[in-house]
Amino acid sequence: MGYIRAFILAFSFFAIALAGHAFAAPGDEVPDPDKALGPGDTVSFQIAEDNVAPVKIRVTDGGQLTVPYIGNVSVSGKSCSEVAANVKNLLENKYKYYRVATVKVSIEQVAPAPVRPPWKVNVFGKVANPTLIEVPSGTTLSIVQAISKAGGPTPYGDLGKVKFTRKGVVTVINVKKIVENGAQDVPLQDGDTIMVPARTIVLTN
């Protein structure tokens, strides 16, 4: 049984080391030891009783860690100490590979945040520069700011009756009141459209 376990351990660590080498990249920042693990994070893993150097393991896209003897263990949303306690319990109680297992898990590198595309707002009608505005992810934009980015209204634009469309629902907004009286501005979302209509000119005799 001892030589079988040794063979499994050697093979497991070899495969894990290759995976860690392929996916881990150097980083300068010291990771938060209490951080909840997520896909793409890389951890240092060691079972002290095996007298083998720690190996680097990458959390899979499905939020799992490939652990020697056990296989895939769900770790997404858990801290390193929680993962270590869970693996220790599995090794000692469920699979009984060890009478006592000292499991050490620590963060080596945090996965970079995914790059999210900008969201978009369309401004047209009686504005100086009708345009599709691209707003960087994580930033905000209001209806007044959007009209300003489109060059503002032309002399014929009616800010009192701006047509604002969100998910097919059209609302008429008095943007002039927002600008002049400090009324509540309207925060925008991806896909919103703003149309500044022409002022109605009444001809009198």
N, C-alpha and C. Protein backbone atom coordinates (compact mmCIF):
# COMPACT_ATOMS: atom_id res chain seq x y z
N MET A 1 0.84 -1.21 0.00
CA MET A 1 0.00 0.00 0.00
C MET A 1 0.87 1.25 0.00
N GLY A 2 2.03 1.17 0.76
CA GLY A 2 2.90 2.33 0.87
C GLY A 2 3.49 2.74 -0.47
N TYR A 3 3.97 1.74 -1.25
CA TYR A 3 4.60 2.09 -2.53
C TYR A 3 3.56 2.57 -3.54
N ILE A 4 2.31 2.08 -3.42
CA ILE A 4 1.24 2.56 -4.32
C ILE A 4 0.94 4.03 -4.03
N ARG A 5 0.85 4.35 -2.75
CA ARG A 5 0.59 5.73 -2.38
C ARG A 5 1.73 6.64 -2.83
N ALA A 6 2.96 6.16 -2.71
CA ALA A 6 4.11 6.95 -3.13
C ALA A 6 4.08 7.20 -4.63
N PHE A 7 3.67 6.16 -5.38
CA PHE A 7 3.59 6.32 -6.83
C PHE A 7 2.51 7.33 -7.21
N ILE A 8 1.34 7.20 -6.55
CA ILE A 8 0.25 8.14 -6.83
C ILE A 8 0.66 9.56 -6.50
N LEU A 9 1.34 9.71 -5.36
CA LEU A 9 1.79 11.04 -4.95
C LEU A 9 2.75 11.64 -5.96
N ALA A 10 3.73 10.85 -6.38
CA ALA A 10 4.72 11.35 -7.33
C ALA A 10 4.07 11.75 -8.64
N PHE A 11 3.16 10.90 -9.13
CA PHE A 11 2.50 11.20 -10.40
C PHE A 11 1.60 12.43 -10.27
N SER A 12 0.89 12.52 -9.15
CA SER A 12 -0.02 13.65 -8.95
C SER A 12 0.74 14.96 -8.90
N PHE A 13 1.82 14.99 -8.13
CA PHE A 13 2.60 16.22 -8.01
C PHE A 13 3.26 16.60 -9.33
N PHE A 14 3.67 15.59 -10.10
CA PHE A 14 4.27 15.88 -11.41
C PHE A 14 3.26 16.55 -12.32
N ALA A 15 2.05 16.00 -12.38
CA ALA A 15 1.00 16.57 -13.24
C ALA A 15 0.59 17.95 -12.77
N ILE A 16 0.47 18.12 -11.45
CA ILE A 16 0.06 19.41 -10.91
C ILE A 16 1.14 20.45 -11.14
N ALA A 17 2.39 20.06 -10.99
CA ALA A 17 3.49 20.99 -11.21
C ALA A 17 3.51 21.49 -12.64
N LEU A 18 3.25 20.60 -13.58
CA LEU A 18 3.19 21.01 -14.98
C LEU A 18 2.06 22.00 -15.20
N ALA A 19 0.90 21.71 -14.62
CA ALA A 19 -0.24 22.62 -14.77
C ALA A 19 0.06 23.96 -14.15
N GLY A 20 0.69 23.96 -12.96
CA GLY A 20 1.01 25.22 -12.31
C GLY A 20 2.01 26.02 -13.12
N HIS A 21 3.00 25.34 -13.72
CA HIS A 21 3.99 26.03 -14.53
C HIS A 21 3.35 26.63 -15.77
N ALA A 22 2.36 25.95 -16.32
CA ALA A 22 1.73 26.43 -17.56
C ALA A 22 0.84 27.63 -17.31
N PHE A 23 0.19 27.67 -16.17
CA PHE A 23 -0.80 28.71 -15.95
C PHE A 23 -0.34 29.84 -15.05
N ALA A 24 0.61 29.61 -14.16
CA ALA A 24 1.01 30.65 -13.23
C ALA A 24 1.91 31.66 -13.91
N ALA A 25 1.72 32.93 -13.58
CA ALA A 25 2.55 33.99 -14.12
C ALA A 25 3.10 34.78 -12.94
N PRO A 26 4.30 35.37 -13.08
CA PRO A 26 4.88 36.09 -11.97
C PRO A 26 4.08 37.35 -11.65
N GLY A 27 4.01 37.71 -10.36
CA GLY A 27 3.31 38.91 -9.96
C GLY A 27 4.07 39.59 -8.83
N ASP A 28 3.94 40.91 -8.71
CA ASP A 28 4.69 41.67 -7.72
C ASP A 28 3.89 41.90 -6.44
N GLU A 29 2.56 41.90 -6.51
CA GLU A 29 1.75 42.20 -5.36
C GLU A 29 1.63 40.98 -4.45
N VAL A 30 1.61 41.26 -3.13
CA VAL A 30 1.43 40.19 -2.15
C VAL A 30 -0.07 39.93 -2.01
N PRO A 31 -0.55 38.74 -2.33
CA PRO A 31 -1.99 38.45 -2.27
C PRO A 31 -2.51 38.47 -0.84
N ASP A 32 -3.77 38.80 -0.68
CA ASP A 32 -4.44 38.78 0.61
C ASP A 32 -4.63 37.31 1.03
N PRO A 33 -4.08 36.89 2.17
CA PRO A 33 -4.19 35.48 2.57
C PRO A 33 -5.63 35.05 2.87
N ASP A 34 -6.49 36.02 3.17
CA ASP A 34 -7.89 35.69 3.49
C ASP A 34 -8.82 35.81 2.28
N LYS A 35 -8.25 36.08 1.11
CA LYS A 35 -9.06 36.25 -0.08
C LYS A 35 -9.83 34.97 -0.42
N ALA A 36 -11.06 35.15 -0.85
CA ALA A 36 -11.83 34.00 -1.35
C ALA A 36 -11.28 33.60 -2.71
N LEU A 37 -11.00 32.33 -2.87
CA LEU A 37 -10.41 31.84 -4.11
C LEU A 37 -11.42 31.89 -5.25
N GLY A 38 -10.90 32.06 -6.45
CA GLY A 38 -11.75 32.08 -7.63
C GLY A 38 -11.02 31.51 -8.82
N PRO A 39 -11.71 31.29 -9.94
CA PRO A 39 -11.08 30.74 -11.14
C PRO A 39 -9.85 31.54 -11.57
N GLY A 40 -8.79 30.81 -11.89
CA GLY A 40 -7.57 31.45 -12.37
C GLY A 40 -6.57 31.77 -11.28
N ASP A 41 -6.98 31.76 -10.01
CA ASP A 41 -6.02 31.97 -8.91
C ASP A 41 -5.05 30.79 -8.85
N THR A 42 -3.84 31.07 -8.39
CA THR A 42 -2.84 30.02 -8.23
C THR A 42 -2.48 29.89 -6.76
N VAL A 43 -2.48 28.68 -6.23
CA VAL A 43 -2.15 28.45 -4.83
C VAL A 43 -0.93 27.55 -4.70
N SER A 44 -0.29 27.68 -3.54
CA SER A 44 0.78 26.76 -3.16
C SER A 44 0.16 25.68 -2.29
N PHE A 45 0.42 24.41 -2.63
CA PHE A 45 -0.21 23.28 -1.92
C PHE A 45 0.87 22.32 -1.42
N GLN A 46 0.70 21.89 -0.17
CA GLN A 46 1.66 20.93 0.39
C GLN A 46 1.00 20.08 1.47
N ILE A 47 1.36 18.79 1.49
CA ILE A 47 1.02 17.90 2.60
C ILE A 47 2.34 17.63 3.32
N ALA A 48 2.48 18.22 4.52
CA ALA A 48 3.78 18.20 5.21
C ALA A 48 4.30 16.79 5.43
N GLU A 49 3.42 15.84 5.70
CA GLU A 49 3.84 14.47 6.01
C GLU A 49 4.51 13.78 4.83
N ASP A 50 4.31 14.28 3.61
CA ASP A 50 4.93 13.65 2.44
C ASP A 50 6.37 14.08 2.23
N ASN A 51 6.80 15.14 2.96
CA ASN A 51 8.17 15.64 2.81
C ASN A 51 8.50 15.99 1.36
N VAL A 52 7.52 16.57 0.68
CA VAL A 52 7.68 16.99 -0.71
C VAL A 52 7.48 18.50 -0.76
N ALA A 53 8.28 19.17 -1.57
CA ALA A 53 8.17 20.62 -1.68
C ALA A 53 6.78 21.04 -2.15
N PRO A 54 6.32 22.21 -1.76
CA PRO A 54 5.00 22.69 -2.21
C PRO A 54 4.93 22.78 -3.73
N VAL A 55 3.74 22.55 -4.27
CA VAL A 55 3.53 22.70 -5.71
C VAL A 55 2.50 23.79 -5.95
N LYS A 56 2.57 24.38 -7.12
CA LYS A 56 1.61 25.42 -7.49
C LYS A 56 0.46 24.78 -8.27
N ILE A 57 -0.75 25.10 -7.87
CA ILE A 57 -1.94 24.56 -8.53
C ILE A 57 -2.85 25.72 -8.90
N ARG A 58 -3.36 25.69 -10.10
CA ARG A 58 -4.27 26.74 -10.57
C ARG A 58 -5.72 26.30 -10.35
N VAL A 59 -6.52 27.22 -9.84
CA VAL A 59 -7.95 26.96 -9.70
C VAL A 59 -8.56 26.95 -11.10
N THR A 60 -9.29 25.90 -11.41
CA THR A 60 -9.85 25.75 -12.75
C THR A 60 -10.94 26.78 -13.01
N ASP A 61 -11.35 26.89 -14.27
CA ASP A 61 -12.42 27.81 -14.63
C ASP A 61 -13.73 27.44 -13.93
N GLY A 62 -13.85 26.17 -13.53
CA GLY A 62 -15.03 25.73 -12.82
C GLY A 62 -14.92 25.91 -11.31
N GLY A 63 -13.82 26.54 -10.85
CA GLY A 63 -13.66 26.81 -9.42
C GLY A 63 -13.19 25.62 -8.62
N GLN A 64 -12.42 24.71 -9.24
CA GLN A 64 -11.95 23.52 -8.53
C GLN A 64 -10.43 23.47 -8.47
N LEU A 65 -9.94 22.73 -7.50
CA LEU A 65 -8.51 22.52 -7.32
C LEU A 65 -8.25 21.02 -7.44
N THR A 66 -7.25 20.65 -8.24
CA THR A 66 -6.92 19.24 -8.41
C THR A 66 -5.93 18.84 -7.33
N VAL A 67 -6.39 18.07 -6.35
CA VAL A 67 -5.61 17.72 -5.16
C VAL A 67 -5.10 16.28 -5.27
N PRO A 68 -3.83 16.02 -4.88
CA PRO A 68 -3.31 14.65 -4.90
C PRO A 68 -4.19 13.70 -4.10
N TYR A 69 -4.35 12.48 -4.61
CA TYR A 69 -5.15 11.40 -4.01
C TYR A 69 -6.65 11.61 -4.18
N ILE A 70 -7.10 12.87 -4.11
CA ILE A 70 -8.54 13.15 -4.07
C ILE A 70 -9.11 13.48 -5.44
N GLY A 71 -8.37 14.29 -6.20
CA GLY A 71 -8.89 14.78 -7.48
C GLY A 71 -9.44 16.19 -7.32
N ASN A 72 -10.51 16.50 -8.04
CA ASN A 72 -11.06 17.85 -8.03
C ASN A 72 -11.85 18.14 -6.76
N VAL A 73 -11.51 19.28 -6.13
CA VAL A 73 -12.21 19.74 -4.92
C VAL A 73 -12.71 21.15 -5.19
N SER A 74 -13.98 21.41 -4.89
CA SER A 74 -14.54 22.74 -5.10
C SER A 74 -13.95 23.72 -4.09
N VAL A 75 -13.38 24.83 -4.59
CA VAL A 75 -12.74 25.81 -3.70
C VAL A 75 -13.23 27.23 -3.94
N SER A 76 -14.01 27.44 -4.97
CA SER A 76 -14.45 28.80 -5.31
C SER A 76 -15.22 29.42 -4.15
N GLY A 77 -14.82 30.64 -3.78
CA GLY A 77 -15.49 31.35 -2.69
C GLY A 77 -14.97 31.00 -1.31
N LYS A 78 -13.98 30.10 -1.22
CA LYS A 78 -13.43 29.69 0.07
C LYS A 78 -12.03 30.26 0.25
N SER A 79 -11.65 30.51 1.51
CA SER A 79 -10.30 30.97 1.81
C SER A 79 -9.34 29.78 1.81
N CYS A 80 -8.04 30.07 1.81
CA CYS A 80 -7.04 28.99 1.82
C CYS A 80 -7.16 28.14 3.07
N SER A 81 -7.42 28.77 4.21
CA SER A 81 -7.55 28.01 5.46
C SER A 81 -8.76 27.08 5.40
N GLU A 82 -9.84 27.52 4.79
CA GLU A 82 -11.02 26.67 4.65
C GLU A 82 -10.75 25.50 3.72
N VAL A 83 -10.02 25.78 2.64
CA VAL A 83 -9.67 24.71 1.70
C VAL A 83 -8.77 23.68 2.37
N ALA A 84 -7.77 24.16 3.12
CA ALA A 84 -6.85 23.26 3.81
C ALA A 84 -7.60 22.36 4.80
N ALA A 85 -8.54 22.94 5.55
CA ALA A 85 -9.31 22.16 6.52
C ALA A 85 -10.17 21.11 5.82
N ASN A 86 -10.76 21.50 4.69
CA ASN A 86 -11.60 20.56 3.95
C ASN A 86 -10.78 19.40 3.39
N VAL A 87 -9.64 19.72 2.78
CA VAL A 87 -8.78 18.68 2.22
C VAL A 87 -8.26 17.76 3.33
N LYS A 88 -7.89 18.33 4.46
CA LYS A 88 -7.43 17.54 5.61
C LYS A 88 -8.51 16.54 6.03
N ASN A 89 -9.74 17.02 6.11
CA ASN A 89 -10.85 16.16 6.51
C ASN A 89 -11.07 15.02 5.50
N LEU A 90 -10.98 15.35 4.22
CA LEU A 90 -11.16 14.33 3.18
C LEU A 90 -10.06 13.28 3.24
N LEU A 91 -8.81 13.74 3.40
CA LEU A 91 -7.68 12.80 3.43
C LEU A 91 -7.73 11.88 4.65
N GLU A 92 -8.13 12.42 5.79
CA GLU A 92 -8.10 11.65 7.03
C GLU A 92 -9.36 10.81 7.24
N ASN A 93 -10.52 11.38 6.94
CA ASN A 93 -11.78 10.74 7.32
C ASN A 93 -12.51 10.04 6.18
N LYS A 94 -12.57 10.70 5.02
CA LYS A 94 -13.32 10.09 3.93
C LYS A 94 -12.49 9.04 3.18
N TYR A 95 -11.31 9.47 2.73
CA TYR A 95 -10.49 8.55 1.93
C TYR A 95 -9.49 7.75 2.77
N LYS A 96 -9.21 8.25 4.00
CA LYS A 96 -8.33 7.55 4.96
C LYS A 96 -6.95 7.25 4.38
N TYR A 97 -6.40 8.20 3.62
CA TYR A 97 -5.03 8.06 3.14
C TYR A 97 -4.02 8.37 4.24
N TYR A 98 -4.43 9.17 5.23
CA TYR A 98 -3.55 9.58 6.30
C TYR A 98 -4.27 9.42 7.64
N ARG A 99 -3.49 9.10 8.66
CA ARG A 99 -4.04 9.16 10.01
C ARG A 99 -4.06 10.61 10.47
N VAL A 100 -2.98 11.33 10.14
CA VAL A 100 -2.90 12.78 10.39
C VAL A 100 -2.31 13.42 9.14
N ALA A 101 -2.99 14.43 8.61
CA ALA A 101 -2.50 15.14 7.43
C ALA A 101 -2.39 16.63 7.75
N THR A 102 -1.19 17.17 7.59
CA THR A 102 -0.98 18.61 7.78
C THR A 102 -1.00 19.27 6.40
N VAL A 103 -2.12 19.85 6.08
CA VAL A 103 -2.31 20.43 4.74
C VAL A 103 -2.04 21.93 4.79
N LYS A 104 -1.18 22.39 3.90
CA LYS A 104 -0.83 23.81 3.83
C LYS A 104 -1.24 24.37 2.46
N VAL A 105 -2.07 25.38 2.49
CA VAL A 105 -2.53 26.04 1.25
C VAL A 105 -2.36 27.55 1.41
N SER A 106 -1.73 28.19 0.44
CA SER A 106 -1.57 29.64 0.47
C SER A 106 -1.67 30.20 -0.95
N ILE A 107 -2.05 31.45 -1.06
CA ILE A 107 -2.20 32.06 -2.39
C ILE A 107 -0.84 32.46 -2.94
N GLU A 108 -0.56 32.03 -4.14
CA GLU A 108 0.66 32.43 -4.85
C GLU A 108 0.38 33.63 -5.74
N GLN A 109 -0.74 33.58 -6.45
CA GLN A 109 -1.07 34.68 -7.37
C GLN A 109 -2.56 34.75 -7.59
N VAL A 110 -3.05 35.98 -7.61
CA VAL A 110 -4.47 36.23 -7.87
C VAL A 110 -4.68 36.42 -9.36
N ALA A 111 -5.70 35.79 -9.89
CA ALA A 111 -5.98 35.91 -11.33
C ALA A 111 -6.33 37.36 -11.67
N PRO A 112 -5.86 37.86 -12.81
CA PRO A 112 -6.20 39.23 -13.20
C PRO A 112 -7.70 39.37 -13.47
N ALA A 113 -8.23 40.53 -13.15
CA ALA A 113 -9.65 40.78 -13.38
C ALA A 113 -9.94 40.74 -14.88
N PRO A 114 -11.05 40.14 -15.28
CA PRO A 114 -11.37 40.09 -16.71
C PRO A 114 -11.61 41.47 -17.28
N VAL A 115 -11.17 41.66 -18.50
CA VAL A 115 -11.37 42.95 -19.17
C VAL A 115 -12.78 42.98 -19.75
N ARG A 116 -13.55 43.92 -19.29
CA ARG A 116 -14.94 44.02 -19.75
C ARG A 116 -15.07 45.10 -20.80
N PRO A 117 -15.84 44.85 -21.84
CA PRO A 117 -15.99 45.85 -22.90
C PRO A 117 -16.76 47.06 -22.41
N PRO A 118 -16.56 48.21 -23.06
CA PRO A 118 -17.32 49.40 -22.66
C PRO A 118 -18.80 49.24 -22.98
N TRP A 119 -19.64 49.95 -22.24
CA TRP A 119 -21.06 49.95 -22.56
C TRP A 119 -21.36 51.20 -23.39
N LYS A 120 -22.51 51.20 -24.07
CA LYS A 120 -22.74 52.22 -25.10
C LYS A 120 -24.09 52.92 -24.92
N VAL A 121 -24.07 54.22 -25.27
CA VAL A 121 -25.26 55.06 -25.25
C VAL A 121 -25.31 55.84 -26.55
N ASN A 122 -26.47 55.88 -27.16
CA ASN A 122 -26.63 56.57 -28.45
C ASN A 122 -27.32 57.92 -28.23
N VAL A 123 -26.70 59.00 -28.72
CA VAL A 123 -27.27 60.35 -28.62
C VAL A 123 -27.43 60.90 -30.03
N PHE A 124 -28.66 61.28 -30.38
CA PHE A 124 -28.89 61.80 -31.74
C PHE A 124 -29.99 62.85 -31.72
N GLY A 125 -30.38 63.31 -32.90
CA GLY A 125 -31.38 64.38 -32.99
C GLY A 125 -30.70 65.72 -33.13
N LYS A 126 -31.26 66.73 -32.49
CA LYS A 126 -30.75 68.10 -32.62
C LYS A 126 -29.63 68.36 -31.61
N VAL A 127 -28.51 67.63 -31.82
CA VAL A 127 -27.30 67.88 -31.06
C VAL A 127 -26.18 68.17 -32.05
N ALA A 128 -25.13 68.83 -31.55
CA ALA A 128 -24.06 69.26 -32.45
C ALA A 128 -23.36 68.08 -33.11
N ASN A 129 -23.13 67.02 -32.36
CA ASN A 129 -22.41 65.86 -32.90
C ASN A 129 -23.12 64.56 -32.51
N PRO A 130 -24.16 64.17 -33.24
CA PRO A 130 -24.82 62.90 -32.93
C PRO A 130 -23.78 61.77 -32.88
N THR A 131 -23.83 60.96 -31.84
CA THR A 131 -22.76 59.98 -31.68
C THR A 131 -23.19 58.80 -30.83
N LEU A 132 -22.45 57.70 -30.99
CA LEU A 132 -22.58 56.53 -30.13
C LEU A 132 -21.44 56.63 -29.11
N ILE A 133 -21.78 56.86 -27.86
CA ILE A 133 -20.77 57.06 -26.82
C ILE A 133 -20.39 55.73 -26.20
N GLU A 134 -19.10 55.45 -26.15
CA GLU A 134 -18.60 54.26 -25.47
C GLU A 134 -18.14 54.65 -24.08
N VAL A 135 -18.73 54.03 -23.08
CA VAL A 135 -18.43 54.35 -21.68
C VAL A 135 -17.60 53.22 -21.08
N PRO A 136 -16.39 53.53 -20.58
CA PRO A 136 -15.55 52.47 -19.99
C PRO A 136 -16.28 51.73 -18.88
N SER A 137 -16.10 50.40 -18.84
CA SER A 137 -16.73 49.59 -17.80
C SER A 137 -16.33 50.08 -16.42
N GLY A 138 -17.31 50.17 -15.53
CA GLY A 138 -17.03 50.60 -14.16
C GLY A 138 -17.21 52.08 -13.94
N THR A 139 -17.49 52.84 -15.01
CA THR A 139 -17.72 54.27 -14.87
C THR A 139 -19.20 54.57 -15.12
N THR A 140 -19.61 55.78 -14.75
CA THR A 140 -21.01 56.17 -14.89
C THR A 140 -21.16 57.32 -15.87
N LEU A 141 -22.38 57.50 -16.34
CA LEU A 141 -22.70 58.60 -17.26
C LEU A 141 -24.16 58.96 -17.07
N SER A 142 -24.45 60.26 -17.04
CA SER A 142 -25.83 60.72 -16.88
C SER A 142 -26.34 61.28 -18.21
N ILE A 143 -27.62 61.56 -18.26
CA ILE A 143 -28.22 62.06 -19.50
C ILE A 143 -27.67 63.45 -19.86
N VAL A 144 -27.45 64.29 -18.85
CA VAL A 144 -26.88 65.62 -19.11
C VAL A 144 -25.45 65.48 -19.64
N GLN A 145 -24.66 64.60 -19.03
CA GLN A 145 -23.28 64.39 -19.48
C GLN A 145 -23.24 63.83 -20.89
N ALA A 146 -24.17 62.93 -21.22
CA ALA A 146 -24.20 62.34 -22.56
C ALA A 146 -24.50 63.39 -23.62
N ILE A 147 -25.46 64.24 -23.35
CA ILE A 147 -25.80 65.30 -24.31
C ILE A 147 -24.62 66.26 -24.46
N SER A 148 -23.94 66.52 -23.35
CA SER A 148 -22.76 67.38 -23.41
C SER A 148 -21.66 66.75 -24.26
N LYS A 149 -21.46 65.44 -24.12
CA LYS A 149 -20.45 64.76 -24.93
C LYS A 149 -20.80 64.78 -26.41
N ALA A 150 -22.09 64.91 -26.71
CA ALA A 150 -22.53 64.98 -28.11
C ALA A 150 -22.49 66.43 -28.62
N GLY A 151 -21.85 67.30 -27.88
CA GLY A 151 -21.68 68.69 -28.32
C GLY A 151 -22.78 69.63 -27.86
N GLY A 152 -23.74 69.10 -27.08
CA GLY A 152 -24.83 69.93 -26.61
C GLY A 152 -25.90 70.12 -27.68
N PRO A 153 -27.02 70.74 -27.32
CA PRO A 153 -28.10 70.91 -28.29
C PRO A 153 -27.76 71.99 -29.31
N THR A 154 -28.30 71.85 -30.50
CA THR A 154 -28.18 72.91 -31.50
C THR A 154 -29.15 74.03 -31.11
N PRO A 155 -29.09 75.18 -31.80
CA PRO A 155 -30.03 76.26 -31.48
C PRO A 155 -31.49 75.84 -31.65
N TYR A 156 -31.72 74.77 -32.39
CA TYR A 156 -33.09 74.31 -32.63
C TYR A 156 -33.47 73.12 -31.74
N GLY A 157 -32.54 72.68 -30.88
CA GLY A 157 -32.82 71.53 -30.01
C GLY A 157 -33.70 71.91 -28.82
N ASP A 158 -34.61 71.04 -28.48
CA ASP A 158 -35.54 71.28 -27.37
C ASP A 158 -35.17 70.36 -26.20
N LEU A 159 -34.45 70.92 -25.21
CA LEU A 159 -34.05 70.14 -24.05
C LEU A 159 -35.20 69.88 -23.09
N GLY A 160 -36.30 70.54 -23.31
CA GLY A 160 -37.45 70.34 -22.43
C GLY A 160 -38.24 69.09 -22.76
N LYS A 161 -38.00 68.50 -23.92
CA LYS A 161 -38.78 67.34 -24.34
C LYS A 161 -37.88 66.25 -24.93
N VAL A 162 -36.81 65.95 -24.22
CA VAL A 162 -35.86 64.93 -24.69
C VAL A 162 -36.50 63.55 -24.57
N LYS A 163 -36.41 62.78 -25.65
CA LYS A 163 -36.97 61.43 -25.65
C LYS A 163 -35.89 60.43 -25.26
N PHE A 164 -36.13 59.79 -24.11
CA PHE A 164 -35.19 58.84 -23.54
C PHE A 164 -35.76 57.44 -23.66
N THR A 165 -35.01 56.54 -24.30
CA THR A 165 -35.49 55.18 -24.53
C THR A 165 -34.61 54.16 -23.83
N ARG A 166 -35.26 53.30 -23.04
CA ARG A 166 -34.55 52.21 -22.37
C ARG A 166 -35.36 50.93 -22.53
N LYS A 167 -34.76 49.95 -23.18
CA LYS A 167 -35.40 48.65 -23.41
C LYS A 167 -36.78 48.81 -24.06
N GLY A 168 -36.82 49.68 -25.03
CA GLY A 168 -38.05 49.85 -25.80
C GLY A 168 -39.08 50.78 -25.19
N VAL A 169 -38.85 51.25 -23.97
CA VAL A 169 -39.79 52.14 -23.30
C VAL A 169 -39.31 53.58 -23.45
N VAL A 170 -40.19 54.44 -24.03
CA VAL A 170 -39.82 55.83 -24.28
C VAL A 170 -40.38 56.74 -23.18
N THR A 171 -39.51 57.59 -22.64
CA THR A 171 -39.90 58.55 -21.61
C THR A 171 -39.46 59.94 -22.05
N VAL A 172 -40.33 60.93 -21.88
CA VAL A 172 -39.97 62.31 -22.19
C VAL A 172 -39.42 62.96 -20.93
N ILE A 173 -38.21 63.48 -21.02
CA ILE A 173 -37.52 64.06 -19.86
C ILE A 173 -37.20 65.53 -20.11
N ASN A 174 -37.49 66.35 -19.12
CA ASN A 174 -37.18 67.77 -19.19
C ASN A 174 -35.74 67.98 -18.74
N VAL A 175 -34.81 67.85 -19.67
CA VAL A 175 -33.39 68.01 -19.35
C VAL A 175 -33.07 69.47 -19.04
N LYS A 176 -33.82 70.38 -19.62
CA LYS A 176 -33.61 71.81 -19.34
C LYS A 176 -33.82 72.10 -17.86
N LYS A 177 -34.82 71.45 -17.27
CA LYS A 177 -35.10 71.63 -15.84
C LYS A 177 -33.97 71.06 -14.99
N ILE A 178 -33.41 69.94 -15.43
CA ILE A 178 -32.29 69.34 -14.71
C ILE A 178 -31.10 70.30 -14.69
N VAL A 179 -30.81 70.91 -15.83
CA VAL A 179 -29.66 71.80 -15.95
C VAL A 179 -29.88 73.10 -15.19
N GLU A 180 -31.05 73.68 -15.33
CA GLU A 180 -31.30 75.01 -14.76
C GLU A 180 -31.65 74.98 -13.28
N ASN A 181 -32.36 73.96 -12.83
CA ASN A 181 -32.86 73.94 -11.45
C ASN A 181 -32.18 72.90 -10.57
N GLY A 182 -31.22 72.17 -11.13
CA GLY A 182 -30.53 71.18 -10.33
C GLY A 182 -31.40 69.98 -9.97
N ALA A 183 -32.36 69.67 -10.82
CA ALA A 183 -33.22 68.50 -10.58
C ALA A 183 -32.39 67.22 -10.72
N GLN A 184 -32.96 66.11 -10.25
CA GLN A 184 -32.25 64.83 -10.27
C GLN A 184 -31.90 64.41 -11.68
N ASP A 185 -30.61 64.21 -11.95
CA ASP A 185 -30.17 63.76 -13.26
C ASP A 185 -30.50 62.27 -13.41
N VAL A 186 -30.43 61.78 -14.65
CA VAL A 186 -30.79 60.40 -14.95
C VAL A 186 -29.54 59.58 -15.24
N PRO A 187 -29.20 58.60 -14.40
CA PRO A 187 -28.05 57.72 -14.70
C PRO A 187 -28.39 56.79 -15.86
N LEU A 188 -27.44 56.61 -16.74
CA LEU A 188 -27.68 55.82 -17.95
C LEU A 188 -27.18 54.39 -17.80
N GLN A 189 -27.71 53.53 -18.69
CA GLN A 189 -27.31 52.13 -18.74
C GLN A 189 -26.96 51.76 -20.17
N ASP A 190 -26.33 50.61 -20.31
CA ASP A 190 -25.95 50.13 -21.63
C ASP A 190 -27.18 50.00 -22.53
N GLY A 191 -27.08 50.54 -23.74
CA GLY A 191 -28.17 50.43 -24.71
C GLY A 191 -29.17 51.55 -24.68
N ASP A 192 -29.05 52.49 -23.73
CA ASP A 192 -29.98 53.63 -23.68
C ASP A 192 -29.79 54.52 -24.91
N THR A 193 -30.88 55.16 -25.34
CA THR A 193 -30.80 56.12 -26.43
C THR A 193 -31.43 57.43 -26.00
N ILE A 194 -30.87 58.52 -26.49
CA ILE A 194 -31.33 59.87 -26.15
C ILE A 194 -31.55 60.63 -27.45
N MET A 195 -32.74 61.12 -27.64
CA MET A 195 -33.05 61.89 -28.85
C MET A 195 -33.52 63.29 -28.45
N VAL A 196 -32.75 64.28 -28.90
CA VAL A 196 -33.12 65.67 -28.64
C VAL A 196 -33.95 66.16 -29.83
N PRO A 197 -35.24 66.44 -29.62
CA PRO A 197 -36.10 66.85 -30.73
C PRO A 197 -35.91 68.32 -31.09
N ALA A 198 -36.50 68.71 -32.21
CA ALA A 198 -36.46 70.11 -32.62
C ALA A 198 -37.52 70.89 -31.85
N ARG A 199 -37.19 72.13 -31.56
CA ARG A 199 -38.17 72.98 -30.88
C ARG A 199 -39.34 73.26 -31.81
N THR A 200 -40.50 73.29 -31.21
CA THR A 200 -41.70 73.63 -31.98
C THR A 200 -41.78 75.15 -32.13
N ILE A 201 -41.82 75.62 -33.35
CA ILE A 201 -41.87 77.06 -33.61
C ILE A 201 -43.31 77.42 -33.96
N VAL A 202 -43.88 78.29 -33.16
CA VAL A 202 -45.25 78.73 -33.39
C VAL A 202 -45.23 80.05 -34.13
N LEU A 203 -45.85 80.08 -35.28
CA LEU A 203 -45.94 81.29 -36.10
C LEU A 203 -47.21 82.05 -35.78
N THR A 204 -47.06 83.31 -35.50
CA THR A 204 -48.23 84.15 -35.21
C THR A 204 -48.34 85.26 -36.24
N ASN A 205 -49.55 85.70 -36.46
CA ASN A 205 -49.76 86.79 -37.42
C ASN A 205 -49.42 88.15 -36.77
